[in-house]
Amino acid sequence: RRIRSLSYCEPYVKEAFFLYKERTVGRKRTPAAKKDKKKEIREAVVQFLKEVPQQVKWLEVPYGRVKEILPDCSEEDLERAEEEIEGLLVSLSSSEDKKEAKKEAVDAFPDTGHEDFQRIFHVILIKLMRGKYKIPHVAPFLY
């Protein structure tokens, strides 16, 4: 009995794969299953509302509104809610979170102008708070 190596099998495997590809040319691909974004958002919001951290209890109101409007709202409504939540995150965040975000912004972007720095600071602050307190997004394009 002879033992054949894998290098001996390679041409046969390549030929079989080529024939398979040739047979599938022109066939329609099955589309990927679409995710139900509103369902995912609803699950994230409900989970967040069950365990809202004490430091961000003030987010119960906007997330409660999102939960109420979710079944029949448009994507624009959800995007507006996302903007409102981000505005609240910036304006009502604790001084400790702001200090941490400011330090991170200064370290990452030391030579930026005042306007650019404010935008960068807000983005970093929002990202920091979302990660720290597990705050979900409600904008559908993020799912």
N, C-alpha and C. Protein backbone atom coordinates (compact mmCIF):
# COMPACT_ATOMS: atom_id res chain seq x y z
N ARG A 1 0.81 -1.18 0.00
CA ARG A 1 0.00 0.00 0.00
C ARG A 1 0.85 1.25 0.00
N ARG A 2 0.44 2.22 -0.81
CA ARG A 2 1.19 3.47 -0.88
C ARG A 2 0.42 4.58 -0.17
N ILE A 3 1.13 5.43 0.49
CA ILE A 3 0.52 6.59 1.15
C ILE A 3 0.74 7.79 0.24
N ARG A 4 -0.34 8.42 -0.13
CA ARG A 4 -0.23 9.59 -1.01
C ARG A 4 -0.24 10.86 -0.16
N SER A 5 0.55 11.80 -0.57
CA SER A 5 0.63 13.04 0.19
C SER A 5 -0.48 14.00 -0.26
N LEU A 6 -0.67 15.04 0.51
CA LEU A 6 -1.67 16.04 0.17
C LEU A 6 -1.30 16.80 -1.09
N SER A 7 -0.03 16.92 -1.36
CA SER A 7 0.38 17.61 -2.59
C SER A 7 -0.10 16.85 -3.82
N TYR A 8 -0.25 15.56 -3.71
CA TYR A 8 -0.77 14.75 -4.81
C TYR A 8 -2.27 15.05 -5.02
N CYS A 9 -2.99 15.36 -3.95
CA CYS A 9 -4.44 15.61 -4.02
C CYS A 9 -4.76 17.03 -4.50
N GLU A 10 -3.83 17.94 -4.34
CA GLU A 10 -4.11 19.35 -4.63
C GLU A 10 -4.68 19.59 -6.03
N PRO A 11 -4.12 19.04 -7.10
CA PRO A 11 -4.69 19.30 -8.43
C PRO A 11 -6.15 18.83 -8.55
N TYR A 12 -6.48 17.71 -7.91
CA TYR A 12 -7.85 17.20 -7.97
C TYR A 12 -8.81 18.12 -7.21
N VAL A 13 -8.36 18.62 -6.08
CA VAL A 13 -9.19 19.53 -5.30
C VAL A 13 -9.42 20.82 -6.08
N LYS A 14 -8.36 21.37 -6.68
CA LYS A 14 -8.49 22.59 -7.46
C LYS A 14 -9.44 22.40 -8.64
N GLU A 15 -9.32 21.27 -9.33
CA GLU A 15 -10.19 21.00 -10.47
C GLU A 15 -11.65 20.88 -10.02
N ALA A 16 -11.89 20.19 -8.93
CA ALA A 16 -13.26 20.04 -8.42
C ALA A 16 -13.83 21.40 -8.02
N PHE A 17 -13.02 22.24 -7.40
CA PHE A 17 -13.49 23.56 -7.01
C PHE A 17 -13.79 24.41 -8.24
N PHE A 18 -12.94 24.36 -9.24
CA PHE A 18 -13.17 25.10 -10.48
C PHE A 18 -14.48 24.67 -11.12
N LEU A 19 -14.73 23.36 -11.19
CA LEU A 19 -15.98 22.86 -11.78
C LEU A 19 -17.19 23.32 -10.97
N TYR A 20 -17.05 23.33 -9.67
CA TYR A 20 -18.14 23.79 -8.81
C TYR A 20 -18.44 25.27 -9.08
N LYS A 21 -17.39 26.10 -9.14
CA LYS A 21 -17.58 27.52 -9.42
C LYS A 21 -18.22 27.73 -10.78
N GLU A 22 -17.80 26.94 -11.75
CA GLU A 22 -18.35 27.06 -13.10
C GLU A 22 -19.84 26.74 -13.11
N ARG A 23 -20.25 25.75 -12.35
CA ARG A 23 -21.66 25.38 -12.29
C ARG A 23 -22.51 26.45 -11.61
N THR A 24 -21.93 27.23 -10.71
CA THR A 24 -22.71 28.22 -9.96
C THR A 24 -22.77 29.58 -10.65
N VAL A 25 -22.07 29.76 -11.75
CA VAL A 25 -22.08 31.04 -12.45
C VAL A 25 -23.49 31.31 -12.97
N GLY A 26 -23.97 32.52 -12.73
CA GLY A 26 -25.28 32.91 -13.23
C GLY A 26 -26.42 32.63 -12.26
N ARG A 27 -26.16 31.88 -11.23
CA ARG A 27 -27.21 31.63 -10.24
C ARG A 27 -27.35 32.85 -9.34
N LYS A 28 -28.55 33.05 -8.90
CA LYS A 28 -28.77 34.16 -7.98
C LYS A 28 -28.32 33.75 -6.59
N ARG A 29 -27.67 34.69 -5.95
CA ARG A 29 -27.26 34.45 -4.57
C ARG A 29 -28.46 34.69 -3.67
N THR A 30 -28.53 33.93 -2.62
CA THR A 30 -29.59 34.18 -1.66
C THR A 30 -29.19 35.41 -0.85
N PRO A 31 -30.08 36.37 -0.76
CA PRO A 31 -29.72 37.59 -0.02
C PRO A 31 -29.53 37.29 1.46
N ALA A 32 -28.65 38.04 2.05
CA ALA A 32 -28.41 37.88 3.48
C ALA A 32 -29.68 38.28 4.23
N ALA A 33 -29.94 37.59 5.29
CA ALA A 33 -31.14 37.88 6.08
C ALA A 33 -31.03 39.28 6.67
N LYS A 34 -32.09 40.06 6.50
CA LYS A 34 -32.09 41.41 7.05
C LYS A 34 -32.39 41.35 8.54
N LYS A 35 -31.64 42.16 9.26
CA LYS A 35 -31.87 42.22 10.70
C LYS A 35 -33.01 43.19 10.97
N ASP A 36 -33.79 42.89 11.96
CA ASP A 36 -34.85 43.79 12.38
C ASP A 36 -34.23 44.79 13.35
N LYS A 37 -33.87 45.95 12.82
CA LYS A 37 -33.14 46.94 13.61
C LYS A 37 -33.96 47.45 14.79
N LYS A 38 -35.26 47.68 14.54
CA LYS A 38 -36.09 48.19 15.62
C LYS A 38 -36.19 47.19 16.77
N LYS A 39 -36.22 45.91 16.41
CA LYS A 39 -36.28 44.88 17.45
C LYS A 39 -35.00 44.89 18.27
N GLU A 40 -33.85 45.01 17.59
CA GLU A 40 -32.57 45.05 18.30
C GLU A 40 -32.48 46.28 19.20
N ILE A 41 -32.95 47.43 18.66
CA ILE A 41 -32.92 48.66 19.46
C ILE A 41 -33.81 48.49 20.68
N ARG A 42 -35.00 47.94 20.46
CA ARG A 42 -35.94 47.75 21.57
C ARG A 42 -35.33 46.85 22.65
N GLU A 43 -34.70 45.76 22.25
CA GLU A 43 -34.07 44.86 23.21
C GLU A 43 -32.98 45.58 24.00
N ALA A 44 -32.17 46.38 23.31
CA ALA A 44 -31.09 47.11 23.98
C ALA A 44 -31.66 48.14 24.96
N VAL A 45 -32.72 48.84 24.55
CA VAL A 45 -33.33 49.86 25.40
C VAL A 45 -33.97 49.22 26.63
N VAL A 46 -34.72 48.14 26.42
CA VAL A 46 -35.36 47.45 27.55
C VAL A 46 -34.31 46.95 28.53
N GLN A 47 -33.24 46.36 28.03
CA GLN A 47 -32.16 45.88 28.89
C GLN A 47 -31.54 47.03 29.67
N PHE A 48 -31.32 48.16 29.00
CA PHE A 48 -30.72 49.32 29.66
C PHE A 48 -31.65 49.85 30.75
N LEU A 49 -32.95 49.93 30.45
CA LEU A 49 -33.91 50.46 31.42
C LEU A 49 -34.04 49.55 32.65
N LYS A 50 -33.76 48.27 32.49
CA LYS A 50 -33.81 47.36 33.64
C LYS A 50 -32.69 47.67 34.63
N GLU A 51 -31.54 48.07 34.11
CA GLU A 51 -30.35 48.24 34.95
C GLU A 51 -29.67 49.58 34.72
N VAL A 52 -30.44 50.68 34.79
CA VAL A 52 -29.85 52.01 34.56
C VAL A 52 -28.91 52.33 35.72
N PRO A 53 -27.63 52.62 35.41
CA PRO A 53 -26.70 52.98 36.48
C PRO A 53 -27.14 54.26 37.20
N GLN A 54 -26.89 54.33 38.48
CA GLN A 54 -27.31 55.47 39.30
C GLN A 54 -26.76 56.79 38.76
N GLN A 55 -25.54 56.76 38.20
CA GLN A 55 -24.90 57.99 37.73
C GLN A 55 -25.63 58.60 36.53
N VAL A 56 -26.38 57.80 35.80
CA VAL A 56 -27.09 58.31 34.61
C VAL A 56 -28.59 58.01 34.70
N LYS A 57 -29.15 58.09 35.91
CA LYS A 57 -30.59 57.84 36.10
C LYS A 57 -31.43 58.78 35.26
N TRP A 58 -30.91 59.97 34.96
CA TRP A 58 -31.65 60.96 34.18
C TRP A 58 -31.89 60.51 32.74
N LEU A 59 -31.25 59.41 32.33
CA LEU A 59 -31.49 58.89 30.98
C LEU A 59 -32.74 58.01 30.90
N GLU A 60 -33.36 57.72 32.05
CA GLU A 60 -34.58 56.90 32.02
C GLU A 60 -35.68 57.56 31.21
N VAL A 61 -35.80 58.88 31.31
CA VAL A 61 -36.88 59.59 30.61
C VAL A 61 -36.73 59.49 29.09
N PRO A 62 -35.57 59.89 28.51
CA PRO A 62 -35.48 59.79 27.04
C PRO A 62 -35.54 58.35 26.53
N TYR A 63 -34.95 57.41 27.27
CA TYR A 63 -35.01 56.02 26.83
C TYR A 63 -36.41 55.44 26.99
N GLY A 64 -37.14 55.91 28.00
CA GLY A 64 -38.54 55.51 28.15
C GLY A 64 -39.38 55.98 26.97
N ARG A 65 -39.11 57.22 26.52
CA ARG A 65 -39.81 57.75 25.34
C ARG A 65 -39.49 56.94 24.09
N VAL A 66 -38.21 56.58 23.94
CA VAL A 66 -37.80 55.77 22.78
C VAL A 66 -38.53 54.44 22.81
N LYS A 67 -38.62 53.84 23.98
CA LYS A 67 -39.31 52.55 24.12
C LYS A 67 -40.78 52.67 23.71
N GLU A 68 -41.41 53.79 24.07
CA GLU A 68 -42.82 54.00 23.74
C GLU A 68 -43.04 54.20 22.24
N ILE A 69 -42.16 54.97 21.59
CA ILE A 69 -42.39 55.30 20.18
C ILE A 69 -41.85 54.24 19.22
N LEU A 70 -41.06 53.30 19.73
CA LEU A 70 -40.35 52.37 18.84
C LEU A 70 -41.20 51.62 17.82
N PRO A 71 -42.32 51.05 18.16
CA PRO A 71 -43.00 50.24 17.13
C PRO A 71 -43.37 51.01 15.86
N ASP A 72 -43.84 52.26 16.00
CA ASP A 72 -44.30 52.95 14.79
C ASP A 72 -43.52 54.22 14.47
N CYS A 73 -42.28 54.33 14.86
CA CYS A 73 -41.53 55.55 14.57
C CYS A 73 -40.68 55.37 13.31
N SER A 74 -40.27 56.50 12.76
CA SER A 74 -39.42 56.46 11.57
C SER A 74 -37.95 56.48 12.00
N GLU A 75 -37.08 56.25 11.02
CA GLU A 75 -35.64 56.29 11.32
C GLU A 75 -35.22 57.69 11.75
N GLU A 76 -35.87 58.71 11.17
CA GLU A 76 -35.55 60.10 11.52
C GLU A 76 -35.88 60.37 12.99
N ASP A 77 -37.00 59.81 13.47
CA ASP A 77 -37.37 59.98 14.88
C ASP A 77 -36.30 59.38 15.78
N LEU A 78 -35.82 58.21 15.41
CA LEU A 78 -34.78 57.56 16.22
C LEU A 78 -33.47 58.33 16.17
N GLU A 79 -33.16 58.90 15.01
CA GLU A 79 -31.93 59.70 14.90
C GLU A 79 -32.04 60.97 15.75
N ARG A 80 -33.23 61.59 15.77
CA ARG A 80 -33.44 62.76 16.62
C ARG A 80 -33.30 62.38 18.10
N ALA A 81 -33.84 61.22 18.46
CA ALA A 81 -33.71 60.75 19.85
C ALA A 81 -32.24 60.51 20.20
N GLU A 82 -31.48 59.97 19.25
CA GLU A 82 -30.04 59.74 19.46
C GLU A 82 -29.33 61.07 19.71
N GLU A 83 -29.67 62.09 18.91
CA GLU A 83 -29.06 63.41 19.09
C GLU A 83 -29.42 64.00 20.45
N GLU A 84 -30.68 63.83 20.85
CA GLU A 84 -31.12 64.35 22.15
C GLU A 84 -30.34 63.67 23.28
N ILE A 85 -30.20 62.36 23.19
CA ILE A 85 -29.48 61.61 24.22
C ILE A 85 -28.01 62.04 24.27
N GLU A 86 -27.40 62.23 23.11
CA GLU A 86 -26.00 62.67 23.10
C GLU A 86 -25.87 64.07 23.69
N GLY A 87 -26.84 64.95 23.41
CA GLY A 87 -26.83 66.28 24.00
C GLY A 87 -26.91 66.21 25.52
N LEU A 88 -27.77 65.32 26.02
CA LEU A 88 -27.88 65.14 27.47
C LEU A 88 -26.60 64.57 28.06
N LEU A 89 -25.98 63.64 27.35
CA LEU A 89 -24.72 63.07 27.83
C LEU A 89 -23.65 64.14 27.99
N VAL A 90 -23.61 65.08 27.05
CA VAL A 90 -22.61 66.15 27.11
C VAL A 90 -22.95 67.13 28.22
N SER A 91 -24.22 67.54 28.30
CA SER A 91 -24.57 68.60 29.25
C SER A 91 -24.72 68.12 30.69
N LEU A 92 -25.15 66.89 30.90
CA LEU A 92 -25.41 66.42 32.27
C LEU A 92 -24.37 65.43 32.80
N SER A 93 -23.28 65.27 32.11
CA SER A 93 -22.25 64.33 32.58
C SER A 93 -21.55 64.89 33.81
N SER A 94 -21.01 64.00 34.60
CA SER A 94 -20.34 64.42 35.84
C SER A 94 -19.01 65.11 35.52
N SER A 95 -18.54 65.88 36.49
CA SER A 95 -17.27 66.59 36.29
C SER A 95 -16.11 65.59 36.17
N GLU A 96 -16.22 64.45 36.85
CA GLU A 96 -15.17 63.43 36.76
C GLU A 96 -15.07 62.88 35.34
N ASP A 97 -16.24 62.59 34.74
CA ASP A 97 -16.25 62.08 33.37
C ASP A 97 -15.70 63.13 32.40
N LYS A 98 -16.07 64.39 32.64
CA LYS A 98 -15.58 65.46 31.77
C LYS A 98 -14.07 65.62 31.89
N LYS A 99 -13.55 65.52 33.11
CA LYS A 99 -12.10 65.62 33.31
C LYS A 99 -11.37 64.49 32.58
N GLU A 100 -11.92 63.29 32.73
CA GLU A 100 -11.30 62.12 32.08
C GLU A 100 -11.31 62.26 30.56
N ALA A 101 -12.44 62.72 30.01
CA ALA A 101 -12.55 62.90 28.56
C ALA A 101 -11.64 64.03 28.08
N LYS A 102 -11.56 65.09 28.87
CA LYS A 102 -10.70 66.22 28.48
C LYS A 102 -9.24 65.80 28.46
N LYS A 103 -8.83 65.02 29.46
CA LYS A 103 -7.44 64.54 29.50
C LYS A 103 -7.15 63.67 28.28
N GLU A 104 -8.09 62.78 27.97
CA GLU A 104 -7.91 61.90 26.81
C GLU A 104 -7.86 62.71 25.51
N ALA A 105 -8.70 63.74 25.40
CA ALA A 105 -8.71 64.58 24.20
C ALA A 105 -7.41 65.36 24.06
N VAL A 106 -6.92 65.91 25.16
CA VAL A 106 -5.66 66.68 25.12
C VAL A 106 -4.50 65.77 24.76
N ASP A 107 -4.48 64.56 25.32
CA ASP A 107 -3.40 63.62 25.01
C ASP A 107 -3.43 63.20 23.54
N ALA A 108 -4.62 62.98 23.01
CA ALA A 108 -4.73 62.48 21.63
C ALA A 108 -4.57 63.59 20.60
N PHE A 109 -5.07 64.79 20.91
CA PHE A 109 -5.04 65.90 19.94
C PHE A 109 -4.54 67.18 20.61
N PRO A 110 -3.24 67.28 20.87
CA PRO A 110 -2.72 68.43 21.61
C PRO A 110 -2.73 69.75 20.82
N ASP A 111 -2.63 69.70 19.52
CA ASP A 111 -2.48 70.93 18.73
C ASP A 111 -3.72 71.25 17.90
N THR A 112 -4.89 71.21 18.51
CA THR A 112 -6.11 71.54 17.76
C THR A 112 -6.67 72.86 18.25
N GLY A 113 -7.40 73.53 17.36
CA GLY A 113 -8.04 74.80 17.70
C GLY A 113 -9.19 74.58 18.67
N HIS A 114 -9.71 75.69 19.20
CA HIS A 114 -10.76 75.62 20.22
C HIS A 114 -12.02 74.93 19.72
N GLU A 115 -12.51 75.31 18.53
CA GLU A 115 -13.74 74.71 18.00
C GLU A 115 -13.56 73.22 17.73
N ASP A 116 -12.47 72.89 17.09
CA ASP A 116 -12.20 71.47 16.81
C ASP A 116 -12.05 70.69 18.10
N PHE A 117 -11.37 71.30 19.07
CA PHE A 117 -11.17 70.61 20.34
C PHE A 117 -12.50 70.34 21.03
N GLN A 118 -13.42 71.30 20.99
CA GLN A 118 -14.74 71.11 21.62
C GLN A 118 -15.47 69.94 20.99
N ARG A 119 -15.44 69.86 19.67
CA ARG A 119 -16.11 68.74 18.97
C ARG A 119 -15.47 67.41 19.35
N ILE A 120 -14.14 67.39 19.34
CA ILE A 120 -13.41 66.17 19.70
C ILE A 120 -13.71 65.78 21.15
N PHE A 121 -13.71 66.77 22.02
CA PHE A 121 -14.00 66.53 23.44
C PHE A 121 -15.40 65.93 23.61
N HIS A 122 -16.39 66.48 22.91
CA HIS A 122 -17.76 65.95 23.01
C HIS A 122 -17.84 64.51 22.52
N VAL A 123 -17.18 64.22 21.41
CA VAL A 123 -17.20 62.85 20.87
C VAL A 123 -16.56 61.88 21.86
N ILE A 124 -15.42 62.27 22.41
CA ILE A 124 -14.72 61.40 23.36
C ILE A 124 -15.55 61.23 24.63
N LEU A 125 -16.17 62.31 25.10
CA LEU A 125 -17.00 62.24 26.31
C LEU A 125 -18.18 61.29 26.10
N ILE A 126 -18.85 61.42 24.97
CA ILE A 126 -20.00 60.55 24.67
C ILE A 126 -19.55 59.09 24.59
N LYS A 127 -18.45 58.86 23.89
CA LYS A 127 -17.93 57.49 23.75
C LYS A 127 -17.54 56.92 25.11
N LEU A 128 -16.89 57.73 25.92
CA LEU A 128 -16.47 57.30 27.26
C LEU A 128 -17.68 56.92 28.11
N MET A 129 -18.69 57.77 28.10
CA MET A 129 -19.88 57.51 28.93
C MET A 129 -20.65 56.30 28.43
N ARG A 130 -20.78 56.16 27.11
CA ARG A 130 -21.49 54.99 26.57
C ARG A 130 -20.79 53.70 26.97
N GLY A 131 -19.47 53.70 26.94
CA GLY A 131 -18.72 52.51 27.32
C GLY A 131 -18.76 52.25 28.82
N LYS A 132 -18.61 53.30 29.58
CA LYS A 132 -18.53 53.18 31.04
C LYS A 132 -19.86 52.73 31.65
N TYR A 133 -20.96 53.30 31.15
CA TYR A 133 -22.28 53.01 31.73
C TYR A 133 -23.13 52.09 30.85
N LYS A 134 -22.55 51.56 29.79
CA LYS A 134 -23.24 50.64 28.87
C LYS A 134 -24.54 51.26 28.34
N ILE A 135 -24.43 52.47 27.81
CA ILE A 135 -25.57 53.20 27.27
C ILE A 135 -25.73 52.81 25.80
N PRO A 136 -26.88 52.26 25.42
CA PRO A 136 -27.05 51.80 24.03
C PRO A 136 -27.36 52.95 23.07
N HIS A 137 -27.06 52.71 21.82
CA HIS A 137 -27.43 53.64 20.75
C HIS A 137 -28.88 53.37 20.37
N VAL A 138 -29.55 54.40 19.82
CA VAL A 138 -30.91 54.19 19.32
C VAL A 138 -31.03 54.53 17.84
N ALA A 139 -29.96 55.01 17.24
CA ALA A 139 -29.98 55.32 15.81
C ALA A 139 -29.89 54.01 15.02
N PRO A 140 -30.81 53.79 14.09
CA PRO A 140 -30.84 52.51 13.37
C PRO A 140 -29.61 52.25 12.50
N PHE A 141 -28.96 53.30 12.01
CA PHE A 141 -27.80 53.06 11.14
C PHE A 141 -26.61 52.51 11.92
N LEU A 142 -26.69 52.49 13.23
CA LEU A 142 -25.61 51.94 14.05
C LEU A 142 -25.82 50.46 14.38
N TYR A 143 -26.88 49.88 13.84
CA TYR A 143 -27.16 48.46 14.08
C TYR A 143 -27.02 47.67 12.80
